[in-house]
Amino acid sequence: MAVGGGGCRAVKPAPDKATFPLSPNAAHRIERLGRRPLLFNSIEFLFLFLPVTLVLYYTARRFAGHQAALALLTLASLVFYGWWNASYLALLLSSIIVNHGFGVVIRHRGSQPWLAIGMVFNLALIGVYKYADFFVANTNSVTGLDLPLAHLALPLAISFFTFQQISYLVDVARNHASPGSVVKHALFVSFFPQLIAGPIIRHREIADQFDDASRKDKLSDNLGIGFTIFALGLAKKVLLADNLEPFASSGFDIAAHGGEVGALAAWTSALCYAFQIFFDFSGYSDMALGLARMFGFHIPANFNAPYRATSIVDFWRRWHITLSRFLRDYLYIPLGGNRKGETRRWVNLFIVMLLGGLWHGAAWTFVVWGGLHGLGLAWCHWIDSKFPNGFFPKPLKFLAPLLTFAFVTFAWIFFRADSFDAASTMLAGMAGLNGLGENVGDEPFIAIIVSLAIIWGLPDTISAVSRYLDPRTLAGQENNLQKGWRWSASTTSAILIASLFFIAIINSWTVAEFIYYRF
């Protein structure tokens, strides 16, 4: 069942983009510290941490009460985070305590100047750990100075929990959220299904669920539906994304080492990476959704068939949905949004996406990737203003998702490449400037065909299980659900899901990180 017929391969992690270029601060941060995070696809998580936490949580809820269960889940989430590097647990706890304090002060004394101070605190935190060496190295490059680099390892999930803290402070200042207790705030930030790579949850989306001590959800529904979604995500990660990785990396690795990449290798690598990151992030998003549901919580969907998007605007409504929402609500709208004319709107979109690219990593290649998407968003809005009934006539509407996918794949080159030179080499290869190149074999093409069939032939997970999802999970995505096959609870379905889980487990002897763990 593994894509390409190669079984489970030993997967080499892609280079850590936070380290390139001019930013060596996080190089090999996990390997250097000698321990991996507690990955959702690891044996330790699947057969130790998760079952123990589930048993303790539901036992506490049954015999010690709702508050005790929340406290236990908070403790488990902190253990989950500290598993990789306990020293950074102090950083997470400091962020939780300080931001909760700011929230309390903002609520009782007003937002000015406390909101500004809180924002500075959070931006300084991520700035020091993620961007300080990037800034210093670029300063040295431009000025000829030799300022020392700090070489700080990048704390796991700092980009995600910092954005979540910022949204919390802004929402408290706008009276959209209440500070609540420090324990519930700690769980809001550290809840392990979403801590490492999203979704980026608003406080008000989960606080009411934490407060609902009398909810009557069925344990069998939580575990059955949650496990189904989780198993689908695990299969995407282990059976699809991890088996696409060698094909995706082959061309990029040659380019990174200064070699020429032929057209065959360039195109197969580019397409395989587009599919790898699709299944990798889709798999993680499913697993996060399923894990939260196992504990009876409903978090927002973060992924919904983005390669079926008919424009870049539509793509960002489907890819990393909660990041798009954060950038819109806390950056684009405060910049003026579309309230000050079309030109200002396009500029705002470009600025937001530049910063969105930088959020992914301290490297200029990420900035270019974000800038390309900013230009794409501005272009789509301009087209919509000129062609309100659509740019393509009805017989040619099928071109819209194809062109959108082509643009997204082109932009992924900069997202994945180790440098601008490597990106240029890949693009030159795709343009045929280095000739056809050596034969890459049949496996990459089989992997591409299988990926295409799954992505465009089957509904995405939230569509397939939509009848079992809470409206809070589907909020904003109701009109994007695909038609077609729907999962239904039955003995046959349970056997199929259990079999899929088993196949994924026996193929996961080599554990590969999720791509978004690096951000």
Protein backbone atom coordinates (compact mmCIF):
# COMPACT_ATOMS: atom_id res chain seq x y z
CA MET A 1 0.00 0.00 0.00
CA ALA A 2 3.03 2.26 0.29
CA VAL A 3 3.29 4.75 -2.53
CA GLY A 4 5.84 3.78 -5.15
CA GLY A 5 5.96 0.17 -3.99
CA GLY A 6 9.08 0.83 -1.93
CA GLY A 7 7.74 -0.08 1.50
CA CYS A 8 8.67 2.18 4.37
CA ARG A 9 11.93 3.92 3.64
CA ALA A 10 14.38 5.41 6.06
CA VAL A 11 13.41 9.02 5.66
CA LYS A 12 16.02 11.72 6.00
CA PRO A 13 14.59 14.92 7.50
CA ALA A 14 14.66 17.82 5.10
CA PRO A 15 17.07 20.65 5.95
CA ASP A 16 15.82 22.92 8.68
CA LYS A 17 14.83 26.05 6.81
CA ALA A 18 15.11 28.20 9.94
CA THR A 19 18.86 27.91 9.45
CA PHE A 20 19.22 29.18 5.89
CA PRO A 21 20.34 31.54 4.62
CA LEU A 22 22.25 33.72 7.02
CA SER A 23 20.60 32.13 10.03
CA PRO A 24 22.46 29.17 11.51
CA ASN A 25 20.77 29.50 14.88
CA ALA A 26 18.64 26.37 14.76
CA ALA A 27 20.73 23.96 12.75
CA HIS A 28 19.99 20.35 13.58
CA ARG A 29 18.28 21.50 16.75
CA ILE A 30 16.56 18.18 17.47
CA GLU A 31 19.51 15.99 16.50
CA ARG A 32 21.92 18.16 18.47
CA LEU A 33 19.86 17.83 21.61
CA GLY A 34 19.78 14.09 21.10
CA ARG A 35 16.04 13.53 21.36
CA ARG A 36 13.00 13.77 19.15
CA PRO A 37 9.72 15.42 20.07
CA LEU A 38 6.92 13.06 21.04
CA LEU A 39 5.63 12.66 17.49
CA PHE A 40 2.05 11.56 16.82
CA ASN A 41 3.40 8.80 14.57
CA SER A 42 5.89 7.43 17.11
CA ILE A 43 5.48 4.16 19.00
CA GLU A 44 6.01 5.97 22.33
CA PHE A 45 3.09 8.26 21.61
CA LEU A 46 0.74 5.66 20.15
CA PHE A 47 1.24 2.91 22.71
CA LEU A 48 2.34 4.77 25.84
CA PHE A 49 1.50 8.45 26.09
CA LEU A 50 -1.89 8.46 24.34
CA PRO A 51 -3.53 5.41 25.97
CA VAL A 52 -2.25 6.32 29.43
CA THR A 53 -3.47 9.90 29.08
CA LEU A 54 -6.89 8.80 27.81
CA VAL A 55 -7.37 6.34 30.68
CA LEU A 56 -6.25 8.85 33.31
CA TYR A 57 -8.35 11.66 31.84
CA TYR A 58 -11.61 9.73 31.68
CA THR A 59 -10.96 8.11 35.07
CA ALA A 60 -10.37 11.53 36.62
CA ARG A 61 -13.46 12.92 34.93
CA ARG A 62 -15.57 10.05 36.24
CA PHE A 63 -14.31 9.89 39.81
CA ALA A 64 -12.62 13.24 40.58
CA GLY A 65 -14.64 15.68 38.49
CA HIS A 66 -14.27 17.91 35.47
CA GLN A 67 -11.73 20.33 36.95
CA ALA A 68 -9.43 17.52 38.04
CA ALA A 69 -9.62 16.02 34.55
CA LEU A 70 -8.68 19.37 32.99
CA ALA A 71 -5.76 19.75 35.40
CA LEU A 72 -4.56 16.25 34.51
CA LEU A 73 -4.87 16.97 30.78
CA THR A 74 -2.87 20.17 31.29
CA LEU A 75 -0.15 18.24 33.09
CA ALA A 76 -0.09 15.61 30.33
CA SER A 77 0.21 18.33 27.69
CA LEU A 78 3.17 19.86 29.51
CA VAL A 79 4.82 16.43 29.72
CA PHE A 80 4.20 16.05 25.98
CA TYR A 81 5.96 19.37 25.30
CA GLY A 82 8.82 18.74 27.74
CA TRP A 83 9.52 15.26 26.32
CA TRP A 84 11.90 16.73 23.72
CA ASN A 85 13.71 19.26 25.87
CA ALA A 86 12.57 19.94 29.42
CA SER A 87 14.49 23.23 29.54
CA TYR A 88 12.08 24.78 27.05
CA LEU A 89 9.14 23.76 29.20
CA ALA A 90 10.14 26.69 31.43
CA LEU A 91 9.86 28.97 28.40
CA LEU A 92 6.36 27.72 27.60
CA LEU A 93 5.27 28.05 31.24
CA SER A 94 6.69 31.57 31.42
CA SER A 95 4.76 32.51 28.29
CA ILE A 96 1.57 31.07 29.79
CA ILE A 97 1.92 32.79 33.17
CA VAL A 98 2.98 36.17 31.79
CA ASN A 99 0.26 36.27 29.12
CA HIS A 100 -2.42 35.18 31.55
CA GLY A 101 -1.27 38.00 33.83
CA PHE A 102 -1.52 40.46 30.96
CA GLY A 103 -5.00 39.15 30.19
CA VAL A 104 -6.17 39.73 33.76
CA VAL A 105 -4.69 43.24 33.85
CA ILE A 106 -6.18 44.13 30.45
CA ARG A 107 -9.62 42.98 31.58
CA HIS A 108 -9.56 44.96 34.86
CA ARG A 109 -7.50 48.02 33.94
CA GLY A 110 -8.17 48.50 30.24
CA SER A 111 -6.15 47.54 27.21
CA GLN A 112 -3.87 50.57 27.06
CA PRO A 113 -0.90 50.28 27.43
CA TRP A 114 -1.01 46.67 28.62
CA LEU A 115 -2.00 45.19 25.28
CA ALA A 116 0.96 46.89 23.60
CA ILE A 117 3.33 45.66 26.32
CA GLY A 118 1.96 42.13 25.97
CA MET A 119 2.41 42.22 22.20
CA VAL A 120 6.00 43.42 22.60
CA PHE A 121 6.68 40.59 25.06
CA ASN A 122 5.41 37.93 22.67
CA LEU A 123 7.11 39.36 19.59
CA ALA A 124 10.36 39.71 21.54
CA LEU A 125 10.12 36.08 22.62
CA ILE A 126 9.79 34.74 19.10
CA GLY A 127 12.19 37.39 17.79
CA VAL A 128 15.04 36.34 20.08
CA TYR A 129 14.73 32.62 19.50
CA LYS A 130 13.72 32.52 15.85
CA TYR A 131 14.95 35.69 14.17
CA ALA A 132 17.84 37.15 16.19
CA ASP A 133 20.59 35.28 14.35
CA PHE A 134 18.85 35.88 11.03
CA PHE A 135 18.88 39.63 11.72
CA VAL A 136 22.48 39.65 13.00
CA ALA A 137 23.77 37.56 10.08
CA ASN A 138 22.06 39.81 7.55
CA THR A 139 23.41 42.89 9.34
CA ASN A 140 26.91 41.42 9.17
CA SER A 141 26.45 40.64 5.48
CA VAL A 142 25.30 44.16 4.62
CA THR A 143 27.63 46.18 6.86
CA GLY A 144 30.73 44.00 6.95
CA LEU A 145 30.53 43.76 10.74
CA ASP A 146 31.30 40.57 12.62
CA LEU A 147 28.63 40.57 15.31
CA PRO A 148 28.46 37.24 17.17
CA LEU A 149 25.56 34.86 16.66
CA ALA A 150 23.69 33.40 19.61
CA HIS A 151 23.15 29.96 18.02
CA LEU A 152 19.98 29.40 20.03
CA ALA A 153 18.06 26.20 19.33
CA LEU A 154 14.55 26.97 18.16
CA PRO A 155 11.98 26.03 20.85
CA LEU A 156 9.41 23.59 19.57
CA ALA A 157 6.13 25.20 18.45
CA ILE A 158 7.16 28.74 19.42
CA SER A 159 5.59 30.17 16.25
CA PHE A 160 2.27 28.51 17.02
CA PHE A 161 1.91 29.18 20.72
CA THR A 162 3.11 32.78 20.31
CA PHE A 163 0.40 33.50 17.73
CA GLN A 164 -2.14 31.85 20.00
CA GLN A 165 -1.05 34.07 22.90
CA ILE A 166 -1.30 37.19 20.74
CA SER A 167 -4.82 36.28 19.65
CA TYR A 168 -5.74 35.71 23.30
CA LEU A 169 -4.56 39.18 24.38
CA VAL A 170 -6.28 40.92 21.47
CA ASP A 171 -9.52 39.04 22.07
CA VAL A 172 -9.47 39.89 25.79
CA ALA A 173 -8.88 43.55 24.90
CA ARG A 174 -11.83 43.43 22.47
CA ASN A 175 -14.03 41.70 25.09
CA HIS A 176 -14.23 38.63 22.87
CA ALA A 177 -12.64 36.45 25.56
CA SER A 178 -12.37 36.26 29.33
CA PRO A 179 -8.99 35.60 30.99
CA GLY A 180 -10.35 32.60 32.90
CA SER A 181 -8.21 30.61 35.32
CA VAL A 182 -4.49 30.12 34.83
CA VAL A 183 -4.99 26.34 34.55
CA LYS A 184 -7.50 26.71 31.73
CA HIS A 185 -5.26 29.25 30.03
CA ALA A 186 -2.38 26.79 30.32
CA LEU A 187 -4.52 24.09 28.71
CA PHE A 188 -5.65 26.49 25.98
CA VAL A 189 -2.02 27.11 25.02
CA SER A 190 -0.50 23.67 25.67
CA PHE A 191 -3.34 21.30 24.65
CA PHE A 192 -1.14 18.68 23.02
CA PRO A 193 -3.27 17.78 19.95
CA GLN A 194 -2.80 21.31 18.57
CA LEU A 195 0.29 22.61 20.40
CA ILE A 196 3.04 21.69 17.96
CA ALA A 197 1.64 22.59 14.53
CA GLY A 198 -1.84 23.95 14.95
CA PRO A 199 -4.61 24.62 14.39
CA ILE A 200 -4.16 28.10 15.89
CA ILE A 201 -7.21 28.22 18.14
CA ARG A 202 -9.01 31.29 19.40
CA HIS A 203 -9.55 31.32 23.16
CA ARG A 204 -13.31 31.61 22.82
CA GLU A 205 -13.43 28.54 20.56
CA ILE A 206 -12.21 26.23 23.30
CA ALA A 207 -12.84 28.07 26.60
CA ASP A 208 -16.56 27.27 26.62
CA GLN A 209 -15.74 23.60 26.13
CA PHE A 210 -13.31 23.71 29.05
CA ASP A 211 -16.02 25.33 31.18
CA ASP A 212 -18.73 22.83 30.24
CA ALA A 213 -18.56 20.45 33.21
CA SER A 214 -21.96 18.95 32.44
CA ARG A 215 -21.46 17.93 28.81
CA LYS A 216 -23.02 14.57 28.03
CA ASP A 217 -20.98 13.41 25.05
CA LYS A 218 -20.68 9.66 24.61
CA LEU A 219 -17.30 8.09 25.26
CA SER A 220 -17.84 5.59 22.44
CA ASP A 221 -18.52 8.42 19.97
CA ASN A 222 -15.47 10.38 21.09
CA LEU A 223 -13.14 7.41 20.84
CA GLY A 224 -14.68 5.89 17.71
CA ILE A 225 -14.91 9.05 15.62
CA GLY A 226 -11.67 10.44 17.01
CA PHE A 227 -9.75 7.25 16.29
CA THR A 228 -11.17 7.07 12.75
CA ILE A 229 -9.99 10.59 11.91
CA PHE A 230 -6.64 9.96 13.60
CA ALA A 231 -6.09 6.70 11.71
CA LEU A 232 -6.81 8.38 8.37
CA GLY A 233 -4.26 11.07 9.22
CA LEU A 234 -1.67 8.52 10.33
CA ALA A 235 -2.08 6.64 7.05
CA LYS A 236 -1.62 9.85 5.04
CA LYS A 237 1.58 10.61 6.92
CA VAL A 238 3.18 7.15 7.05
CA LEU A 239 1.96 5.51 3.85
CA LEU A 240 1.87 8.55 1.56
CA ALA A 241 3.91 11.56 2.73
CA ASP A 242 6.89 9.58 4.06
CA ASN A 243 7.10 7.44 0.92
CA LEU A 244 6.98 10.52 -1.31
CA GLU A 245 9.86 12.15 0.58
CA PRO A 246 12.77 10.34 -1.15
CA PHE A 247 11.39 11.24 -4.58
CA ALA A 248 10.78 14.84 -3.50
CA SER A 249 14.23 15.24 -1.98
CA SER A 250 16.23 13.71 -4.83
CA GLY A 251 16.18 16.73 -7.13
CA PHE A 252 16.35 19.29 -4.32
CA ASP A 253 19.37 17.52 -2.78
CA ILE A 254 21.24 17.58 -6.09
CA ALA A 255 20.46 21.29 -6.46
CA ALA A 256 21.57 21.98 -2.87
CA HIS A 257 24.98 20.45 -3.62
CA GLY A 258 25.49 22.48 -6.79
CA GLY A 259 24.64 19.81 -9.34
CA GLU A 260 22.53 20.19 -12.45
CA VAL A 261 19.00 18.84 -12.32
CA GLY A 262 17.44 17.53 -15.52
CA ALA A 263 13.84 18.11 -16.47
CA LEU A 264 12.66 14.66 -15.37
CA ALA A 265 14.24 14.91 -11.92
CA ALA A 266 13.17 18.52 -11.45
CA TRP A 267 9.53 17.92 -12.34
CA THR A 268 9.18 14.68 -10.40
CA SER A 269 10.81 16.26 -7.33
CA ALA A 270 8.65 19.37 -7.54
CA LEU A 271 5.43 17.40 -7.93
CA CYS A 272 6.35 14.84 -5.30
CA TYR A 273 7.14 17.62 -2.84
CA ALA A 274 3.80 19.28 -3.56
CA PHE A 275 2.10 15.97 -2.77
CA GLN A 276 4.39 15.19 0.18
CA ILE A 277 3.61 18.43 1.99
CA PHE A 278 -0.08 17.99 1.13
CA PHE A 279 -0.32 14.56 2.75
CA ASP A 280 2.06 15.50 5.57
CA PHE A 281 0.08 18.54 6.69
CA SER A 282 -3.27 16.95 5.90
CA GLY A 283 -2.23 13.94 7.96
CA TYR A 284 -1.14 16.08 10.89
CA SER A 285 -4.34 18.14 10.73
CA ASP A 286 -6.47 14.98 10.75
CA MET A 287 -4.51 13.54 13.66
CA ALA A 288 -4.87 16.75 15.68
CA LEU A 289 -8.61 16.82 14.98
CA GLY A 290 -8.99 13.16 15.90
CA LEU A 291 -6.94 13.42 19.09
CA ALA A 292 -8.96 16.39 20.33
CA ARG A 293 -12.17 14.49 19.60
CA MET A 294 -10.93 11.48 21.58
CA PHE A 295 -10.96 13.75 24.63
CA GLY A 296 -14.36 15.18 23.71
CA PHE A 297 -13.17 18.54 22.36
CA HIS A 298 -14.03 20.09 18.99
CA ILE A 299 -11.26 22.16 17.42
CA PRO A 300 -11.53 23.96 14.06
CA ALA A 301 -10.60 22.19 10.85
CA ASN A 302 -7.28 23.37 9.47
CA PHE A 303 -7.17 21.63 6.09
CA ASN A 304 -9.80 21.09 3.41
CA ALA A 305 -8.77 19.91 -0.05
CA PRO A 306 -6.57 22.92 -0.97
CA TYR A 307 -5.48 21.43 -4.30
CA ARG A 308 -9.09 21.60 -5.45
CA ALA A 309 -8.98 25.37 -5.00
CA THR A 310 -10.00 27.41 -8.02
CA SER A 311 -7.81 30.42 -7.12
CA ILE A 312 -5.09 31.44 -4.68
CA VAL A 313 -7.78 33.16 -2.60
CA ASP A 314 -9.64 29.85 -2.44
CA PHE A 315 -6.39 28.01 -1.68
CA TRP A 316 -5.85 30.06 1.48
CA ARG A 317 -9.41 29.32 2.57
CA ARG A 318 -8.47 25.63 2.53
CA TRP A 319 -4.76 25.44 3.43
CA HIS A 320 -3.70 26.14 7.02
CA ILE A 321 -7.13 27.65 7.55
CA THR A 322 -6.50 28.97 11.05
CA LEU A 323 -3.23 30.67 10.07
CA SER A 324 -5.06 32.41 7.22
CA ARG A 325 -7.73 33.48 9.69
CA PHE A 326 -5.13 34.78 12.14
CA LEU A 327 -3.34 36.81 9.48
CA ARG A 328 -6.66 38.23 8.30
CA ASP A 329 -8.07 39.15 11.73
CA TYR A 330 -4.91 40.32 13.49
CA LEU A 331 -2.83 41.78 10.67
CA TYR A 332 -4.70 42.36 7.39
CA ILE A 333 -7.77 44.05 8.91
CA PRO A 334 -5.73 46.24 11.33
CA LEU A 335 -3.64 47.35 8.33
CA GLY A 336 -6.84 48.61 6.72
CA GLY A 337 -7.96 45.50 4.86
CA ASN A 338 -9.97 46.49 1.81
CA ARG A 339 -11.44 49.63 3.36
CA LYS A 340 -9.03 52.09 1.73
CA GLY A 341 -9.28 51.23 -1.94
CA GLU A 342 -8.08 48.45 -4.20
CA THR A 343 -4.44 49.53 -4.36
CA ARG A 344 -4.14 49.63 -0.58
CA ARG A 345 -5.85 46.26 -0.42
CA TRP A 346 -3.26 44.70 -2.73
CA VAL A 347 -0.40 46.27 -0.76
CA ASN A 348 -1.88 44.98 2.50
CA LEU A 349 -2.21 41.47 1.07
CA PHE A 350 1.39 41.54 -0.10
CA ILE A 351 2.68 42.75 3.29
CA VAL A 352 0.64 40.16 5.17
CA MET A 353 1.91 37.29 3.03
CA LEU A 354 5.52 38.47 3.25
CA LEU A 355 5.19 38.30 7.02
CA GLY A 356 3.35 35.00 6.72
CA GLY A 357 6.30 33.63 4.78
CA LEU A 358 8.75 34.92 7.40
CA TRP A 359 6.60 33.32 10.12
CA HIS A 360 7.38 29.94 8.57
CA GLY A 361 11.11 30.40 8.91
CA ALA A 362 13.98 32.85 9.19
CA ALA A 363 15.12 32.59 5.58
CA TRP A 364 14.69 34.81 2.54
CA THR A 365 13.41 31.85 0.55
CA PHE A 366 10.38 31.75 2.84
CA VAL A 367 9.88 35.48 2.35
CA VAL A 368 9.88 35.02 -1.42
CA TRP A 369 7.40 32.16 -1.08
CA GLY A 370 5.12 34.42 0.95
CA GLY A 371 5.61 37.27 -1.50
CA LEU A 372 4.60 35.06 -4.42
CA HIS A 373 1.38 34.16 -2.63
CA GLY A 374 0.82 37.83 -1.83
CA LEU A 375 1.10 38.66 -5.51
CA GLY A 376 -1.19 35.75 -6.32
CA LEU A 377 -3.84 36.98 -3.88
CA ALA A 378 -3.65 40.53 -5.23
CA TRP A 379 -3.89 39.25 -8.81
CA CYS A 380 -6.95 37.13 -8.00
CA HIS A 381 -8.73 40.06 -6.36
CA TRP A 382 -7.92 42.26 -9.36
CA ILE A 383 -9.27 39.58 -11.74
CA ASP A 384 -12.44 39.30 -9.64
CA SER A 385 -12.93 43.06 -9.84
CA LYS A 386 -12.60 43.01 -13.64
CA PHE A 387 -14.50 39.77 -14.28
CA PRO A 388 -17.23 39.48 -11.64
CA ASN A 389 -18.74 36.47 -13.41
CA GLY A 390 -15.44 34.63 -13.53
CA PHE A 391 -12.39 34.85 -15.77
CA PHE A 392 -12.93 31.53 -17.56
CA PRO A 393 -16.02 30.76 -19.63
CA LYS A 394 -17.94 27.74 -18.41
CA PRO A 395 -16.33 25.19 -20.80
CA LEU A 396 -12.87 26.23 -19.55
CA LYS A 397 -13.54 26.45 -15.82
CA PHE A 398 -11.64 23.20 -15.32
CA LEU A 399 -8.48 25.22 -15.99
CA ALA A 400 -8.87 27.24 -12.78
CA PRO A 401 -7.84 24.49 -10.32
CA LEU A 402 -5.10 23.30 -12.69
CA LEU A 403 -3.54 26.77 -12.94
CA THR A 404 -3.89 27.28 -9.19
CA PHE A 405 -2.12 23.99 -8.50
CA ALA A 406 0.62 24.90 -10.99
CA PHE A 407 1.19 28.24 -9.24
CA VAL A 408 1.25 26.63 -5.79
CA THR A 409 3.72 23.99 -6.99
CA PHE A 410 5.96 26.69 -8.47
CA ALA A 411 5.93 28.60 -5.17
CA TRP A 412 6.75 25.43 -3.19
CA ILE A 413 10.15 25.40 -4.94
CA PHE A 414 11.25 28.37 -2.82
CA PHE A 415 9.61 26.93 0.29
CA ARG A 416 11.58 23.68 -0.04
CA ALA A 417 14.88 24.80 -1.59
CA ASP A 418 17.89 25.32 0.66
CA SER A 419 18.90 28.52 -1.11
CA PHE A 420 18.09 30.79 -4.02
CA ASP A 421 20.81 29.04 -6.02
CA ALA A 422 19.14 25.69 -5.38
CA ALA A 423 15.74 27.12 -6.28
CA SER A 424 17.17 28.57 -9.50
CA THR A 425 18.70 25.21 -10.37
CA MET A 426 15.36 23.48 -9.84
CA LEU A 427 13.51 26.05 -11.94
CA ALA A 428 16.12 25.82 -14.69
CA GLY A 429 15.66 22.07 -14.71
CA MET A 430 11.88 22.40 -14.91
CA ALA A 431 12.31 24.79 -17.83
CA GLY A 432 14.41 22.18 -19.66
CA LEU A 433 17.59 24.26 -19.61
CA ASN A 434 19.61 21.30 -18.31
CA GLY A 435 18.16 18.82 -20.77
CA LEU A 436 15.96 15.86 -19.99
CA GLY A 437 18.49 14.38 -17.58
CA GLU A 438 18.88 10.81 -16.40
CA ASN A 439 15.99 8.40 -16.15
CA VAL A 440 14.43 8.63 -12.69
CA GLY A 441 12.70 5.25 -12.86
CA ASP A 442 9.05 4.32 -12.65
CA GLU A 443 8.46 4.75 -8.93
CA PRO A 444 8.18 8.58 -8.87
CA PHE A 445 5.62 8.50 -11.68
CA ILE A 446 3.61 5.80 -9.91
CA ALA A 447 3.72 7.91 -6.74
CA ILE A 448 2.49 10.96 -8.66
CA ILE A 449 -0.37 9.04 -10.30
CA VAL A 450 -1.48 7.53 -6.98
CA SER A 451 -1.34 10.96 -5.32
CA LEU A 452 -3.37 12.56 -8.09
CA ALA A 453 -5.99 9.81 -7.87
CA ILE A 454 -6.36 10.20 -4.10
CA ILE A 455 -6.38 14.01 -4.03
CA TRP A 456 -8.81 14.52 -6.89
CA GLY A 457 -10.68 11.23 -6.74
CA LEU A 458 -11.61 11.04 -3.04
CA PRO A 459 -13.13 13.59 -0.68
CA ASP A 460 -10.88 15.04 2.00
CA THR A 461 -11.26 13.76 5.54
CA ILE A 462 -13.56 16.45 6.92
CA SER A 463 -15.90 15.91 3.98
CA ALA A 464 -15.82 12.13 4.35
CA VAL A 465 -16.71 12.27 8.07
CA SER A 466 -18.68 15.54 8.01
CA ARG A 467 -21.91 13.98 9.33
CA TYR A 468 -20.06 13.15 12.58
CA LEU A 469 -18.33 16.51 13.05
CA ASP A 470 -19.49 19.29 15.32
CA PRO A 471 -20.45 22.63 13.68
CA ARG A 472 -17.55 24.21 15.59
CA THR A 473 -15.14 22.06 13.61
CA LEU A 474 -16.74 22.80 10.25
CA ALA A 475 -17.27 26.53 10.86
CA GLY A 476 -16.57 28.42 7.62
CA GLN A 477 -16.01 25.24 5.60
CA GLU A 478 -19.60 24.10 5.10
CA ASN A 479 -19.66 25.32 1.48
CA ASN A 480 -16.30 23.72 0.65
CA LEU A 481 -17.25 20.13 1.46
CA GLN A 482 -16.77 17.79 -1.49
CA LYS A 483 -19.34 15.41 -2.86
CA GLY A 484 -18.75 11.69 -3.02
CA TRP A 485 -17.98 8.91 -0.59
CA ARG A 486 -18.96 9.36 3.06
CA TRP A 487 -17.71 7.29 5.98
CA SER A 488 -20.41 5.68 8.08
CA ALA A 489 -20.10 3.93 11.42
CA SER A 490 -20.41 0.18 10.91
CA THR A 491 -18.60 -3.05 11.67
CA THR A 492 -17.14 -3.07 8.17
CA SER A 493 -15.91 0.51 8.53
CA ALA A 494 -14.35 -0.30 11.90
CA ILE A 495 -12.49 -3.27 10.42
CA LEU A 496 -11.23 -1.16 7.51
CA ILE A 497 -10.03 1.64 9.80
CA ALA A 498 -8.36 -0.82 12.17
CA SER A 499 -6.64 -2.49 9.21
CA LEU A 500 -5.46 0.87 7.87
CA PHE A 501 -4.10 1.76 11.31
CA PHE A 502 -2.31 -1.60 11.55
CA ILE A 503 -0.75 -1.22 8.10
CA ALA A 504 0.44 2.28 9.01
CA ILE A 505 1.94 1.02 12.27
CA ILE A 506 3.94 -1.79 10.68
CA ASN A 507 5.26 0.70 8.11
CA SER A 508 6.32 3.28 10.71
CA TRP A 509 9.51 1.66 11.95
CA THR A 510 11.37 4.78 10.83
CA VAL A 511 9.71 7.84 12.36
CA ALA A 512 9.83 11.03 10.28
CA GLU A 513 8.99 14.47 11.58
CA PHE A 514 6.03 16.39 10.26
CA ILE A 515 7.17 19.22 8.00
CA TYR A 516 5.30 21.84 10.04
CA TYR A 517 7.02 20.73 13.27
CA ARG A 518 9.97 22.85 12.11
CA PHE A 519 8.08 26.12 12.28
